[in-house]
Amino acid sequence: MKFIDLHRDPWHPLAGDDGPPVTVTPTPHLLLDLAQWHAVRASWPAGMAVGVRLANDQDVEDIADDLPRLALVALHFPKWVDGRAYSQARLLRSRWRYAGEVRAWGDVLADMLPLLERTGFDAVVLRHDQSIEVAERALGFFPGHYQGDVRDNRPLFALPPGTADELARKSAREFINDGASI
């Protein structure tokens, strides 16, 4: 998981949130909202890095045809209890096989990191009061998961012996056995 420092991040939103721009000078690493992207996508230079910010109530399918052109899709968490962006990320990775960066931003807490990773996020802008050290520890809370995730849809029991996930399977068994003796 990549932790984004907004002061060092090359991605920058278009100034103003008043709707679609009348004119936009294409610049690399411009982060546009959906309306702005729809206004300029026909004239956007091929190969120039561009990203789109989606609100969690917007349909990911609206950008499905554009995914090969997008280097970044930033999904918004307006409140940490609103998990619709998890579903958006899973759709991007599983249904449309999006290989670019999927970034979480907004009200993102450290304890959300394990599920963010499992649903397809690979970068995060933590809420200002969250610690990167705590977030990194949160990624190691669970040694293995029974259910599949976006990397491998198979459940833990269906993974073949000797795969990279064998260690996770062993750790999960040890965790269950330790818990059973309590």
N, C-alpha and C. Protein backbone atom coordinates (compact mmCIF):
# COMPACT_ATOMS: atom_id res chain seq x y z
N MET A 1 0.85 -1.18 0.00
CA MET A 1 0.00 0.00 0.00
C MET A 1 0.90 1.23 0.00
N LYS A 2 0.56 2.16 -0.85
CA LYS A 2 1.30 3.41 -0.94
C LYS A 2 0.54 4.49 -0.17
N PHE A 3 1.25 5.19 0.72
CA PHE A 3 0.66 6.27 1.50
C PHE A 3 1.02 7.60 0.83
N ILE A 4 0.01 8.38 0.51
CA ILE A 4 0.18 9.60 -0.26
C ILE A 4 0.33 10.81 0.66
N ASP A 5 1.40 11.54 0.46
CA ASP A 5 1.60 12.84 1.12
C ASP A 5 1.18 13.89 0.09
N LEU A 6 0.08 14.57 0.34
CA LEU A 6 -0.46 15.51 -0.63
C LEU A 6 0.50 16.65 -0.96
N HIS A 7 1.44 16.94 -0.06
CA HIS A 7 2.41 18.00 -0.33
C HIS A 7 3.47 17.57 -1.33
N ARG A 8 3.66 16.27 -1.50
CA ARG A 8 4.67 15.75 -2.43
C ARG A 8 4.06 15.01 -3.61
N ASP A 9 2.77 14.89 -3.64
CA ASP A 9 2.08 14.13 -4.68
C ASP A 9 2.09 14.90 -6.00
N PRO A 10 2.48 14.24 -7.10
CA PRO A 10 2.48 14.93 -8.39
C PRO A 10 1.07 15.18 -8.92
N TRP A 11 0.08 14.44 -8.43
CA TRP A 11 -1.29 14.61 -8.91
C TRP A 11 -1.91 15.86 -8.29
N HIS A 12 -2.58 16.64 -9.11
CA HIS A 12 -3.21 17.87 -8.64
C HIS A 12 -4.58 18.05 -9.30
N PRO A 13 -5.58 18.41 -8.49
CA PRO A 13 -6.91 18.64 -9.06
C PRO A 13 -6.95 19.94 -9.84
N LEU A 14 -7.88 20.01 -10.75
CA LEU A 14 -8.13 21.23 -11.49
C LEU A 14 -8.70 22.24 -10.52
N ALA A 15 -8.20 23.46 -10.55
CA ALA A 15 -8.66 24.49 -9.61
C ALA A 15 -10.15 24.76 -9.82
N GLY A 16 -10.85 24.83 -8.73
CA GLY A 16 -12.29 25.13 -8.79
C GLY A 16 -13.12 23.88 -8.92
N ASP A 17 -14.20 23.83 -8.20
CA ASP A 17 -15.12 22.71 -8.26
C ASP A 17 -16.49 23.18 -8.72
N ASP A 18 -16.51 24.08 -9.68
CA ASP A 18 -17.78 24.66 -10.13
C ASP A 18 -18.39 23.91 -11.30
N GLY A 19 -17.91 22.74 -11.61
CA GLY A 19 -18.47 21.99 -12.73
C GLY A 19 -17.46 21.84 -13.84
N PRO A 20 -17.93 21.47 -15.00
CA PRO A 20 -17.01 21.22 -16.10
C PRO A 20 -16.29 22.50 -16.54
N PRO A 21 -15.01 22.39 -16.82
CA PRO A 21 -14.25 23.57 -17.25
C PRO A 21 -14.62 23.97 -18.67
N VAL A 22 -14.50 25.25 -18.94
CA VAL A 22 -14.73 25.73 -20.30
C VAL A 22 -13.53 25.37 -21.15
N THR A 23 -12.33 25.65 -20.64
CA THR A 23 -11.11 25.24 -21.33
C THR A 23 -10.15 24.68 -20.30
N VAL A 24 -9.46 23.63 -20.70
CA VAL A 24 -8.47 23.00 -19.85
C VAL A 24 -7.22 22.82 -20.68
N THR A 25 -6.11 23.28 -20.14
CA THR A 25 -4.85 23.01 -20.79
C THR A 25 -4.35 21.67 -20.27
N PRO A 26 -4.26 20.67 -21.12
CA PRO A 26 -3.81 19.36 -20.65
C PRO A 26 -2.41 19.45 -20.06
N THR A 27 -2.29 18.97 -18.84
CA THR A 27 -0.99 18.88 -18.17
C THR A 27 -0.91 17.51 -17.55
N PRO A 28 0.29 16.92 -17.48
CA PRO A 28 0.42 15.61 -16.87
C PRO A 28 0.00 15.62 -15.41
N HIS A 29 -0.57 14.52 -14.97
CA HIS A 29 -0.97 14.29 -13.58
C HIS A 29 -2.09 15.20 -13.12
N LEU A 30 -2.96 15.56 -14.03
CA LEU A 30 -4.14 16.33 -13.67
C LEU A 30 -5.21 15.36 -13.16
N LEU A 31 -5.81 15.68 -12.04
CA LEU A 31 -6.83 14.85 -11.41
C LEU A 31 -8.17 15.56 -11.55
N LEU A 32 -9.05 15.00 -12.38
CA LEU A 32 -10.31 15.64 -12.74
C LEU A 32 -11.49 14.92 -12.10
N ASP A 33 -12.57 15.65 -11.85
CA ASP A 33 -13.78 14.96 -11.43
C ASP A 33 -14.46 14.43 -12.69
N LEU A 34 -15.52 13.67 -12.52
CA LEU A 34 -16.15 12.99 -13.66
C LEU A 34 -16.67 13.97 -14.70
N ALA A 35 -17.31 15.04 -14.27
CA ALA A 35 -17.84 16.03 -15.23
C ALA A 35 -16.70 16.70 -16.00
N GLN A 36 -15.63 17.03 -15.31
CA GLN A 36 -14.48 17.64 -15.98
C GLN A 36 -13.87 16.68 -17.00
N TRP A 37 -13.74 15.40 -16.62
CA TRP A 37 -13.16 14.42 -17.54
C TRP A 37 -14.04 14.26 -18.78
N HIS A 38 -15.34 14.16 -18.59
CA HIS A 38 -16.23 14.02 -19.74
C HIS A 38 -16.14 15.23 -20.67
N ALA A 39 -15.86 16.40 -20.13
CA ALA A 39 -15.76 17.61 -20.94
C ALA A 39 -14.49 17.64 -21.79
N VAL A 40 -13.42 16.97 -21.36
CA VAL A 40 -12.15 17.08 -22.07
C VAL A 40 -11.63 15.77 -22.66
N ARG A 41 -12.28 14.67 -22.40
CA ARG A 41 -11.70 13.37 -22.81
C ARG A 41 -11.50 13.24 -24.30
N ALA A 42 -12.36 13.83 -25.11
CA ALA A 42 -12.20 13.71 -26.56
C ALA A 42 -10.94 14.41 -27.06
N SER A 43 -10.50 15.44 -26.37
CA SER A 43 -9.33 16.19 -26.82
C SER A 43 -8.08 15.92 -25.98
N TRP A 44 -8.18 15.01 -25.00
CA TRP A 44 -7.03 14.74 -24.13
C TRP A 44 -5.95 14.00 -24.92
N PRO A 45 -4.69 14.47 -24.87
CA PRO A 45 -3.62 13.82 -25.64
C PRO A 45 -3.38 12.37 -25.19
N ALA A 46 -3.25 11.50 -26.16
CA ALA A 46 -2.97 10.09 -25.86
C ALA A 46 -1.62 9.99 -25.16
N GLY A 47 -1.56 9.18 -24.15
CA GLY A 47 -0.31 8.95 -23.43
C GLY A 47 -0.01 9.94 -22.32
N MET A 48 -0.79 11.00 -22.19
CA MET A 48 -0.56 11.96 -21.11
C MET A 48 -1.31 11.49 -19.87
N ALA A 49 -0.58 11.36 -18.76
CA ALA A 49 -1.17 10.85 -17.52
C ALA A 49 -2.30 11.74 -17.04
N VAL A 50 -3.45 11.11 -16.79
CA VAL A 50 -4.62 11.80 -16.28
C VAL A 50 -5.31 10.88 -15.28
N GLY A 51 -5.95 11.48 -14.29
CA GLY A 51 -6.70 10.71 -13.30
C GLY A 51 -8.09 11.27 -13.14
N VAL A 52 -8.97 10.42 -12.60
CA VAL A 52 -10.36 10.81 -12.38
C VAL A 52 -10.72 10.55 -10.93
N ARG A 53 -11.39 11.54 -10.30
CA ARG A 53 -11.93 11.40 -8.94
C ARG A 53 -13.41 11.04 -9.07
N LEU A 54 -13.81 9.97 -8.40
CA LEU A 54 -15.21 9.58 -8.41
C LEU A 54 -15.80 9.72 -7.02
N ALA A 55 -16.96 10.31 -6.94
CA ALA A 55 -17.71 10.30 -5.69
C ALA A 55 -18.23 8.88 -5.49
N ASN A 56 -18.52 8.52 -4.25
CA ASN A 56 -18.92 7.14 -4.01
C ASN A 56 -20.34 6.83 -4.47
N ASP A 57 -21.08 7.82 -4.94
CA ASP A 57 -22.40 7.55 -5.49
C ASP A 57 -22.41 7.59 -7.02
N GLN A 58 -21.23 7.68 -7.63
CA GLN A 58 -21.13 7.67 -9.08
C GLN A 58 -20.85 6.25 -9.56
N ASP A 59 -21.36 5.94 -10.73
CA ASP A 59 -21.23 4.60 -11.28
C ASP A 59 -19.87 4.43 -11.96
N VAL A 60 -19.13 3.43 -11.55
CA VAL A 60 -17.81 3.16 -12.13
C VAL A 60 -17.94 2.85 -13.63
N GLU A 61 -19.08 2.34 -14.02
CA GLU A 61 -19.29 2.02 -15.42
C GLU A 61 -19.20 3.26 -16.32
N ASP A 62 -19.40 4.44 -15.74
CA ASP A 62 -19.31 5.68 -16.52
C ASP A 62 -17.90 5.93 -17.05
N ILE A 63 -16.89 5.30 -16.47
CA ILE A 63 -15.52 5.48 -16.95
C ILE A 63 -14.92 4.19 -17.51
N ALA A 64 -15.72 3.13 -17.60
CA ALA A 64 -15.20 1.82 -18.02
C ALA A 64 -14.49 1.89 -19.36
N ASP A 65 -15.05 2.58 -20.33
CA ASP A 65 -14.42 2.66 -21.66
C ASP A 65 -13.14 3.49 -21.63
N ASP A 66 -12.99 4.35 -20.63
CA ASP A 66 -11.83 5.23 -20.55
C ASP A 66 -10.69 4.65 -19.71
N LEU A 67 -10.91 3.54 -19.04
CA LEU A 67 -9.91 3.01 -18.11
C LEU A 67 -8.53 2.82 -18.72
N PRO A 68 -8.40 2.37 -19.98
CA PRO A 68 -7.05 2.25 -20.53
C PRO A 68 -6.29 3.59 -20.62
N ARG A 69 -7.01 4.69 -20.63
CA ARG A 69 -6.39 6.01 -20.71
C ARG A 69 -6.08 6.61 -19.35
N LEU A 70 -6.67 6.06 -18.28
CA LEU A 70 -6.54 6.65 -16.95
C LEU A 70 -5.41 5.99 -16.17
N ALA A 71 -4.52 6.82 -15.63
CA ALA A 71 -3.42 6.32 -14.80
C ALA A 71 -3.84 6.19 -13.34
N LEU A 72 -4.89 6.90 -12.94
CA LEU A 72 -5.33 6.94 -11.55
C LEU A 72 -6.84 7.09 -11.49
N VAL A 73 -7.46 6.30 -10.60
CA VAL A 73 -8.86 6.50 -10.25
C VAL A 73 -8.88 6.70 -8.74
N ALA A 74 -9.31 7.87 -8.29
CA ALA A 74 -9.38 8.20 -6.87
C ALA A 74 -10.83 8.08 -6.42
N LEU A 75 -11.06 7.22 -5.43
CA LEU A 75 -12.40 6.95 -4.94
C LEU A 75 -12.59 7.59 -3.57
N HIS A 76 -13.71 8.25 -3.39
CA HIS A 76 -13.94 9.08 -2.22
C HIS A 76 -14.72 8.36 -1.12
N PHE A 77 -14.25 8.52 0.12
CA PHE A 77 -14.95 8.09 1.32
C PHE A 77 -15.40 9.36 2.05
N PRO A 78 -16.66 9.81 1.86
CA PRO A 78 -17.10 11.03 2.54
C PRO A 78 -17.18 10.85 4.05
N LYS A 79 -17.48 9.62 4.49
CA LYS A 79 -17.49 9.25 5.90
C LYS A 79 -16.90 7.86 5.99
N TRP A 80 -16.21 7.56 7.08
CA TRP A 80 -15.57 6.25 7.17
C TRP A 80 -16.59 5.12 7.25
N VAL A 81 -17.82 5.41 7.64
CA VAL A 81 -18.85 4.38 7.74
C VAL A 81 -19.55 4.11 6.41
N ASP A 82 -19.24 4.87 5.39
CA ASP A 82 -19.86 4.70 4.07
C ASP A 82 -18.90 3.91 3.19
N GLY A 83 -19.23 2.66 2.93
CA GLY A 83 -18.30 1.76 2.25
C GLY A 83 -18.54 1.56 0.77
N ARG A 84 -19.28 2.43 0.12
CA ARG A 84 -19.56 2.23 -1.31
C ARG A 84 -18.30 2.27 -2.17
N ALA A 85 -17.28 2.99 -1.75
CA ALA A 85 -16.03 3.05 -2.53
C ALA A 85 -15.32 1.69 -2.53
N TYR A 86 -15.53 0.86 -1.51
CA TYR A 86 -14.97 -0.50 -1.53
C TYR A 86 -15.52 -1.26 -2.74
N SER A 87 -16.83 -1.14 -2.94
CA SER A 87 -17.47 -1.83 -4.08
C SER A 87 -16.96 -1.28 -5.40
N GLN A 88 -16.77 0.04 -5.47
CA GLN A 88 -16.25 0.64 -6.70
C GLN A 88 -14.87 0.07 -7.03
N ALA A 89 -14.01 -0.02 -6.02
CA ALA A 89 -12.65 -0.54 -6.24
C ALA A 89 -12.70 -1.99 -6.69
N ARG A 90 -13.52 -2.78 -6.05
CA ARG A 90 -13.63 -4.19 -6.43
C ARG A 90 -14.10 -4.32 -7.87
N LEU A 91 -15.07 -3.52 -8.27
CA LEU A 91 -15.52 -3.55 -9.67
C LEU A 91 -14.41 -3.16 -10.63
N LEU A 92 -13.66 -2.12 -10.29
CA LEU A 92 -12.56 -1.70 -11.16
C LEU A 92 -11.57 -2.83 -11.38
N ARG A 93 -11.20 -3.52 -10.30
CA ARG A 93 -10.19 -4.57 -10.39
C ARG A 93 -10.74 -5.87 -10.96
N SER A 94 -11.91 -6.29 -10.51
CA SER A 94 -12.44 -7.60 -10.89
C SER A 94 -13.18 -7.59 -12.22
N ARG A 95 -14.09 -6.67 -12.40
CA ARG A 95 -14.90 -6.67 -13.62
C ARG A 95 -14.15 -6.09 -14.81
N TRP A 96 -13.46 -4.96 -14.59
CA TRP A 96 -12.83 -4.28 -15.72
C TRP A 96 -11.31 -4.46 -15.75
N ARG A 97 -10.77 -5.20 -14.81
CA ARG A 97 -9.34 -5.53 -14.79
C ARG A 97 -8.46 -4.29 -14.90
N TYR A 98 -8.87 -3.23 -14.22
CA TYR A 98 -8.11 -1.99 -14.22
C TYR A 98 -6.78 -2.21 -13.51
N ALA A 99 -5.69 -1.86 -14.17
CA ALA A 99 -4.35 -2.10 -13.62
C ALA A 99 -3.68 -0.83 -13.11
N GLY A 100 -4.30 0.33 -13.29
CA GLY A 100 -3.72 1.57 -12.80
C GLY A 100 -3.89 1.73 -11.30
N GLU A 101 -3.51 2.88 -10.80
CA GLU A 101 -3.60 3.15 -9.36
C GLU A 101 -5.04 3.41 -8.95
N VAL A 102 -5.48 2.74 -7.88
CA VAL A 102 -6.78 2.99 -7.27
C VAL A 102 -6.49 3.57 -5.89
N ARG A 103 -6.90 4.81 -5.71
CA ARG A 103 -6.55 5.57 -4.50
C ARG A 103 -7.80 5.87 -3.67
N ALA A 104 -7.69 5.69 -2.36
CA ALA A 104 -8.76 6.07 -1.42
C ALA A 104 -8.43 7.44 -0.85
N TRP A 105 -9.44 8.31 -0.77
CA TRP A 105 -9.25 9.63 -0.18
C TRP A 105 -10.53 10.04 0.53
N GLY A 106 -10.39 10.98 1.43
CA GLY A 106 -11.53 11.45 2.20
C GLY A 106 -11.36 11.07 3.66
N ASP A 107 -12.40 10.52 4.26
CA ASP A 107 -12.41 10.15 5.67
C ASP A 107 -11.87 8.72 5.81
N VAL A 108 -10.57 8.56 5.53
CA VAL A 108 -9.93 7.24 5.51
C VAL A 108 -9.12 7.05 6.79
N LEU A 109 -9.48 6.01 7.54
CA LEU A 109 -8.84 5.70 8.82
C LEU A 109 -7.89 4.53 8.67
N ALA A 110 -6.93 4.46 9.59
CA ALA A 110 -5.92 3.39 9.54
C ALA A 110 -6.53 2.01 9.62
N ASP A 111 -7.58 1.84 10.42
CA ASP A 111 -8.14 0.49 10.56
C ASP A 111 -8.93 0.03 9.34
N MET A 112 -9.09 0.89 8.34
CA MET A 112 -9.74 0.52 7.09
C MET A 112 -8.76 -0.16 6.12
N LEU A 113 -7.45 -0.07 6.40
CA LEU A 113 -6.44 -0.52 5.45
C LEU A 113 -6.55 -1.97 5.02
N PRO A 114 -6.78 -2.93 5.91
CA PRO A 114 -6.87 -4.32 5.42
C PRO A 114 -7.98 -4.51 4.38
N LEU A 115 -9.15 -3.93 4.61
CA LEU A 115 -10.23 -4.08 3.63
C LEU A 115 -9.96 -3.27 2.37
N LEU A 116 -9.34 -2.12 2.51
CA LEU A 116 -8.96 -1.35 1.32
C LEU A 116 -8.06 -2.18 0.42
N GLU A 117 -7.07 -2.82 1.02
CA GLU A 117 -6.14 -3.64 0.24
C GLU A 117 -6.84 -4.83 -0.41
N ARG A 118 -7.71 -5.49 0.32
CA ARG A 118 -8.40 -6.68 -0.19
C ARG A 118 -9.38 -6.35 -1.32
N THR A 119 -9.90 -5.13 -1.34
CA THR A 119 -10.87 -4.77 -2.38
C THR A 119 -10.24 -4.09 -3.58
N GLY A 120 -8.92 -3.87 -3.56
CA GLY A 120 -8.25 -3.40 -4.76
C GLY A 120 -7.56 -2.06 -4.69
N PHE A 121 -7.64 -1.38 -3.56
CA PHE A 121 -6.92 -0.12 -3.43
C PHE A 121 -5.43 -0.41 -3.30
N ASP A 122 -4.61 0.44 -3.91
CA ASP A 122 -3.16 0.29 -3.74
C ASP A 122 -2.50 1.58 -3.27
N ALA A 123 -3.30 2.62 -3.05
CA ALA A 123 -2.78 3.89 -2.53
C ALA A 123 -3.87 4.54 -1.68
N VAL A 124 -3.43 5.34 -0.70
CA VAL A 124 -4.39 5.93 0.22
C VAL A 124 -3.90 7.29 0.70
N VAL A 125 -4.84 8.22 0.83
CA VAL A 125 -4.60 9.50 1.49
C VAL A 125 -5.32 9.38 2.82
N LEU A 126 -4.56 9.22 3.89
CA LEU A 126 -5.15 9.07 5.21
C LEU A 126 -5.73 10.39 5.70
N ARG A 127 -6.75 10.29 6.53
CA ARG A 127 -7.30 11.48 7.17
C ARG A 127 -6.18 12.15 7.98
N HIS A 128 -6.19 13.45 8.10
CA HIS A 128 -5.10 14.23 8.69
C HIS A 128 -4.69 13.77 10.09
N ASP A 129 -5.60 13.18 10.86
CA ASP A 129 -5.27 12.78 12.24
C ASP A 129 -4.80 11.32 12.34
N GLN A 130 -4.58 10.66 11.20
CA GLN A 130 -4.18 9.25 11.20
C GLN A 130 -2.68 9.11 11.02
N SER A 131 -2.12 8.08 11.64
CA SER A 131 -0.69 7.84 11.60
C SER A 131 -0.34 6.77 10.57
N ILE A 132 0.68 7.03 9.77
CA ILE A 132 1.14 6.04 8.79
C ILE A 132 1.67 4.80 9.50
N GLU A 133 2.34 4.98 10.63
CA GLU A 133 2.88 3.83 11.37
C GLU A 133 1.76 2.91 11.84
N VAL A 134 0.69 3.48 12.34
CA VAL A 134 -0.46 2.69 12.78
C VAL A 134 -1.11 2.01 11.57
N ALA A 135 -1.22 2.72 10.47
CA ALA A 135 -1.81 2.15 9.25
C ALA A 135 -0.98 0.97 8.73
N GLU A 136 0.34 1.09 8.76
CA GLU A 136 1.19 -0.02 8.33
C GLU A 136 1.00 -1.24 9.22
N ARG A 137 0.87 -1.02 10.52
CA ARG A 137 0.60 -2.14 11.44
C ARG A 137 -0.75 -2.77 11.15
N ALA A 138 -1.73 -1.96 10.81
CA ALA A 138 -3.07 -2.47 10.52
C ALA A 138 -3.06 -3.43 9.34
N LEU A 139 -2.15 -3.21 8.40
CA LEU A 139 -2.06 -4.11 7.24
C LEU A 139 -1.63 -5.52 7.64
N GLY A 140 -0.98 -5.66 8.79
CA GLY A 140 -0.52 -6.97 9.23
C GLY A 140 -1.39 -7.62 10.29
N PHE A 141 -2.56 -7.04 10.59
CA PHE A 141 -3.41 -7.57 11.65
C PHE A 141 -3.85 -9.01 11.41
N PHE A 142 -4.20 -9.34 10.18
CA PHE A 142 -4.75 -10.65 9.88
C PHE A 142 -3.77 -11.43 9.01
N PRO A 143 -3.26 -12.56 9.48
CA PRO A 143 -2.27 -13.31 8.72
C PRO A 143 -2.85 -14.00 7.49
N GLY A 144 -4.13 -14.26 7.48
CA GLY A 144 -4.76 -14.91 6.34
C GLY A 144 -6.26 -14.71 6.41
N HIS A 145 -6.91 -14.81 5.27
CA HIS A 145 -8.36 -14.63 5.20
C HIS A 145 -8.97 -15.86 4.56
N TYR A 146 -10.11 -16.24 5.05
CA TYR A 146 -10.82 -17.39 4.51
C TYR A 146 -11.33 -17.10 3.10
N GLN A 147 -11.92 -15.91 2.91
CA GLN A 147 -12.49 -15.54 1.63
C GLN A 147 -11.41 -15.13 0.64
N GLY A 148 -11.74 -15.23 -0.64
CA GLY A 148 -10.85 -14.71 -1.67
C GLY A 148 -10.91 -13.20 -1.69
N ASP A 149 -10.04 -12.60 -2.49
CA ASP A 149 -10.06 -11.14 -2.64
C ASP A 149 -9.82 -10.81 -4.11
N VAL A 150 -9.51 -9.57 -4.42
CA VAL A 150 -9.36 -9.19 -5.83
C VAL A 150 -8.14 -9.82 -6.49
N ARG A 151 -7.14 -10.18 -5.69
CA ARG A 151 -5.96 -10.82 -6.28
C ARG A 151 -6.22 -12.27 -6.65
N ASP A 152 -6.98 -12.97 -5.83
CA ASP A 152 -7.31 -14.37 -6.08
C ASP A 152 -8.68 -14.62 -5.47
N ASN A 153 -9.64 -14.92 -6.31
CA ASN A 153 -11.02 -15.06 -5.88
C ASN A 153 -11.30 -16.35 -5.11
N ARG A 154 -10.37 -17.30 -5.16
CA ARG A 154 -10.60 -18.58 -4.50
C ARG A 154 -10.52 -18.44 -2.98
N PRO A 155 -11.38 -19.18 -2.26
CA PRO A 155 -11.27 -19.17 -0.80
C PRO A 155 -10.00 -19.87 -0.36
N LEU A 156 -9.61 -19.65 0.86
CA LEU A 156 -8.36 -20.17 1.40
C LEU A 156 -8.23 -21.68 1.23
N PHE A 157 -9.31 -22.44 1.46
CA PHE A 157 -9.22 -23.89 1.38
C PHE A 157 -9.00 -24.39 -0.05
N ALA A 158 -9.31 -23.57 -1.06
CA ALA A 158 -9.19 -23.99 -2.45
C ALA A 158 -7.84 -23.68 -3.06
N LEU A 159 -6.96 -23.02 -2.33
CA LEU A 159 -5.64 -22.70 -2.86
C LEU A 159 -4.77 -23.95 -2.85
N PRO A 160 -4.02 -24.18 -3.91
CA PRO A 160 -3.19 -25.38 -3.96
C PRO A 160 -2.02 -25.30 -2.99
N PRO A 161 -1.62 -26.43 -2.42
CA PRO A 161 -0.45 -26.44 -1.54
C PRO A 161 0.79 -25.95 -2.29
N GLY A 162 1.65 -25.26 -1.56
CA GLY A 162 2.89 -24.79 -2.16
C GLY A 162 2.80 -23.45 -2.84
N THR A 163 1.62 -22.82 -2.86
CA THR A 163 1.52 -21.50 -3.48
C THR A 163 2.01 -20.45 -2.49
N ALA A 164 2.12 -19.24 -2.94
CA ALA A 164 2.57 -18.15 -2.07
C ALA A 164 1.62 -17.95 -0.91
N ASP A 165 0.36 -18.34 -1.06
CA ASP A 165 -0.62 -18.17 0.00
C ASP A 165 -0.61 -19.31 1.01
N GLU A 166 0.23 -20.30 0.79
CA GLU A 166 0.34 -21.41 1.74
C GLU A 166 0.73 -20.89 3.12
N LEU A 167 1.63 -19.92 3.18
CA LEU A 167 2.03 -19.33 4.45
C LEU A 167 0.83 -18.71 5.16
N ALA A 168 -0.01 -18.00 4.40
CA ALA A 168 -1.21 -17.40 4.99
C ALA A 168 -2.14 -18.49 5.51
N ARG A 169 -2.26 -19.60 4.77
CA ARG A 169 -3.12 -20.70 5.20
C ARG A 169 -2.62 -21.28 6.52
N LYS A 170 -1.29 -21.48 6.62
CA LYS A 170 -0.70 -22.01 7.85
C LYS A 170 -0.91 -21.03 9.00
N SER A 171 -0.69 -19.74 8.74
CA SER A 171 -0.88 -18.73 9.79
C SER A 171 -2.32 -18.69 10.25
N ALA A 172 -3.26 -18.82 9.32
CA ALA A 172 -4.67 -18.81 9.69
C ALA A 172 -5.01 -20.02 10.55
N ARG A 173 -4.47 -21.20 10.19
CA ARG A 173 -4.71 -22.40 11.01
C ARG A 173 -4.15 -22.22 12.41
N GLU A 174 -2.93 -21.66 12.51
CA GLU A 174 -2.33 -21.43 13.81
C GLU A 174 -3.15 -20.43 14.62
N PHE A 175 -3.65 -19.39 13.96
CA PHE A 175 -4.48 -18.39 14.63
C PHE A 175 -5.76 -19.04 15.16
N ILE A 176 -6.39 -19.88 14.35
CA ILE A 176 -7.62 -20.55 14.76
C ILE A 176 -7.31 -21.52 15.92
N ASN A 177 -6.22 -22.27 15.80
CA ASN A 177 -5.87 -23.22 16.86
C ASN A 177 -5.54 -22.51 18.17
N ASP A 178 -4.82 -21.39 18.08
CA ASP A 178 -4.51 -20.63 19.29
C ASP A 178 -5.79 -20.09 19.91
N GLY A 179 -6.69 -19.61 19.10
CA GLY A 179 -7.96 -19.06 19.60
C GLY A 179 -8.83 -20.14 20.23
N ALA A 180 -8.75 -21.37 19.71
CA ALA A 180 -9.58 -22.46 20.23
C ALA A 180 -9.13 -22.88 21.62
N SER A 181 -7.86 -22.63 21.96
CA SER A 181 -7.37 -23.08 23.26
C SER A 181 -7.63 -22.06 24.36
N ILE A 182 -8.15 -20.91 24.00
CA ILE A 182 -8.40 -19.88 25.01
C ILE A 182 -9.61 -20.23 25.84
